[in-house]
């Protein structure tokens, strides 16, 4: 199990790598299709902007020992979140994602070390530790 400090460093390093990739995108790149036939590059960035805070919600649910709500569909949730952000400029998506990453790092810093080992169901159905 990684320490909180190692996780914090990994989160910050991943953020920098993410920004390095996004900084290399031009306006035409955002309209390109992706492996998901319904999403463009812009849509993937919209998903990442919303997903950061969604993962914090998952962590809190696991900490409370709650299961994934019955009938919950990650695909429907993700589609709604992307749809809401489809017309946002890249700068707004990046600001939302960055704010979510800051919140994630703060939540990690406030999390008792022992709670890193808590396990619960991710919305994908996979069982993961906090």
Protein backbone atom coordinates (compact mmCIF):
# COMPACT_ATOMS: atom_id res chain seq x y z
CA UNK A 1 0.00 0.00 0.00
CA UNK A 2 1.39 3.36 -1.03
CA UNK A 3 1.76 6.06 1.59
CA UNK A 4 -0.31 9.21 1.47
CA UNK A 5 2.79 11.17 0.49
CA UNK A 6 3.56 8.79 -2.38
CA UNK A 7 -0.05 9.06 -3.57
CA UNK A 8 0.07 12.85 -3.32
CA UNK A 9 3.25 12.97 -5.40
CA UNK A 10 1.71 10.61 -7.98
CA UNK A 11 -1.45 12.74 -8.23
CA UNK A 12 0.58 15.91 -8.77
CA UNK A 13 2.90 14.27 -11.30
CA UNK A 14 -0.06 12.85 -13.23
CA UNK A 15 -1.60 16.33 -13.30
CA UNK A 16 1.56 17.75 -14.84
CA UNK A 17 1.70 14.97 -17.46
CA UNK A 18 -1.99 15.57 -18.26
CA UNK A 19 -1.38 19.31 -18.72
CA UNK A 20 1.67 18.66 -20.90
CA UNK A 21 -0.49 16.59 -23.25
CA UNK A 22 -3.38 19.05 -23.29
CA UNK A 23 -1.09 22.03 -23.93
CA UNK A 24 -0.07 20.30 -27.16
CA UNK A 25 -3.64 20.16 -28.47
CA UNK A 26 -4.83 22.60 -31.08
CA UNK A 27 -8.45 23.62 -31.72
CA UNK A 28 -8.80 21.08 -34.53
CA UNK A 29 -7.55 18.31 -32.25
CA UNK A 30 -10.50 18.79 -29.89
CA UNK A 31 -12.94 17.73 -32.62
CA UNK A 32 -11.10 14.50 -33.42
CA UNK A 33 -12.88 11.19 -32.76
CA UNK A 34 -11.67 8.84 -30.04
CA UNK A 35 -11.90 5.14 -29.25
CA UNK A 36 -15.34 5.89 -27.82
CA UNK A 37 -17.37 6.36 -31.01
CA UNK A 38 -19.68 8.88 -29.32
CA UNK A 39 -16.91 11.13 -27.92
CA UNK A 40 -14.45 13.58 -29.40
CA UNK A 41 -11.21 14.61 -27.72
CA UNK A 42 -13.13 17.56 -26.22
CA UNK A 43 -15.68 15.11 -24.80
CA UNK A 44 -12.94 13.04 -23.17
CA UNK A 45 -11.60 16.21 -21.55
CA UNK A 46 -15.15 17.04 -20.41
CA UNK A 47 -15.35 13.57 -18.87
CA UNK A 48 -12.04 14.06 -17.07
CA UNK A 49 -13.24 17.42 -15.74
CA UNK A 50 -16.33 15.84 -14.17
CA UNK A 51 -14.74 12.54 -13.18
CA UNK A 52 -12.30 14.01 -10.68
CA UNK A 53 -15.08 15.17 -8.36
CA UNK A 54 -17.07 12.03 -9.06
CA UNK A 55 -14.22 9.95 -7.71
CA UNK A 56 -14.23 12.00 -4.53
CA UNK A 57 -17.90 11.13 -4.13
CA UNK A 58 -17.03 7.46 -4.58
CA UNK A 59 -14.33 7.69 -1.91
CA UNK A 60 -16.79 9.24 0.54
CA UNK A 61 -19.35 6.54 -0.23
CA UNK A 62 -16.75 3.82 0.41
CA UNK A 63 -15.68 5.52 3.65
CA UNK A 64 -19.32 5.41 4.80
CA UNK A 65 -19.59 1.75 3.79
CA UNK A 66 -22.35 2.42 1.28
CA UNK A 67 -22.85 0.33 -1.86
CA UNK A 68 -23.29 1.69 -5.37
CA UNK A 69 -26.93 2.81 -5.58
CA UNK A 70 -29.24 0.21 -7.16
CA UNK A 71 -29.84 0.83 -10.84
CA UNK A 72 -26.92 3.23 -11.12
CA UNK A 73 -25.42 3.38 -14.60
CA UNK A 74 -21.93 4.81 -14.97
CA UNK A 75 -22.47 5.07 -18.72
CA UNK A 76 -25.61 7.19 -18.27
CA UNK A 77 -23.95 9.37 -15.62
CA UNK A 78 -20.88 9.92 -17.79
CA UNK A 79 -22.98 10.73 -20.86
CA UNK A 80 -24.97 13.34 -18.89
CA UNK A 81 -21.83 14.94 -17.49
CA UNK A 82 -20.18 15.13 -20.91
CA UNK A 83 -23.35 16.48 -22.49
CA UNK A 84 -23.51 19.31 -19.92
CA UNK A 85 -19.94 20.30 -20.78
CA UNK A 86 -20.03 19.77 -24.55
CA UNK A 87 -20.06 23.48 -25.38
CA UNK A 88 -17.64 24.65 -22.72
CA UNK A 89 -14.31 26.04 -23.88
CA UNK A 90 -11.17 24.08 -23.11
CA UNK A 91 -10.13 26.66 -20.52
CA UNK A 92 -13.29 25.97 -18.50
CA UNK A 93 -12.77 22.21 -18.65
CA UNK A 94 -9.18 22.56 -17.52
CA UNK A 95 -10.16 24.88 -14.68
CA UNK A 96 -12.80 22.40 -13.48
CA UNK A 97 -10.41 19.47 -13.71
CA UNK A 98 -7.66 21.38 -11.89
CA UNK A 99 -10.06 22.40 -9.10
CA UNK A 100 -11.09 18.77 -8.78
CA UNK A 101 -7.46 17.67 -8.53
CA UNK A 102 -6.82 20.25 -5.79
CA UNK A 103 -9.86 18.89 -3.93
CA UNK A 104 -8.56 15.33 -4.37
CA UNK A 105 -5.16 16.21 -2.95
CA UNK A 106 -6.77 18.01 0.00
CA UNK A 107 -9.05 15.05 0.65
CA UNK A 108 -6.04 12.75 0.60
CA UNK A 109 -4.19 14.95 3.06
CA UNK A 110 -7.20 14.90 5.43
CA UNK A 111 -7.77 11.16 5.11
CA UNK A 112 -6.61 9.03 8.05
CA UNK A 113 -3.83 6.74 6.80
CA UNK A 114 -5.73 3.60 7.89
CA UNK A 115 -8.66 4.54 5.64
CA UNK A 116 -6.50 4.13 2.53
CA UNK A 117 -7.04 0.39 2.99
CA UNK A 118 -10.85 0.62 2.99
CA UNK A 119 -12.35 -1.24 0.04
CA UNK A 120 -15.59 -0.73 -1.76
CA UNK A 121 -17.22 -0.94 -5.11
CA UNK A 122 -16.30 1.59 -7.77
CA UNK A 123 -19.14 2.63 -10.07
CA UNK A 124 -17.61 0.38 -12.73
CA UNK A 125 -18.39 -2.60 -10.50
CA UNK A 126 -14.75 -3.22 -9.65
CA UNK A 127 -13.82 -3.49 -5.99
CA UNK A 128 -11.02 -1.07 -5.13
CA UNK A 129 -9.32 0.42 -2.10
CA UNK A 130 -9.72 4.10 -1.29
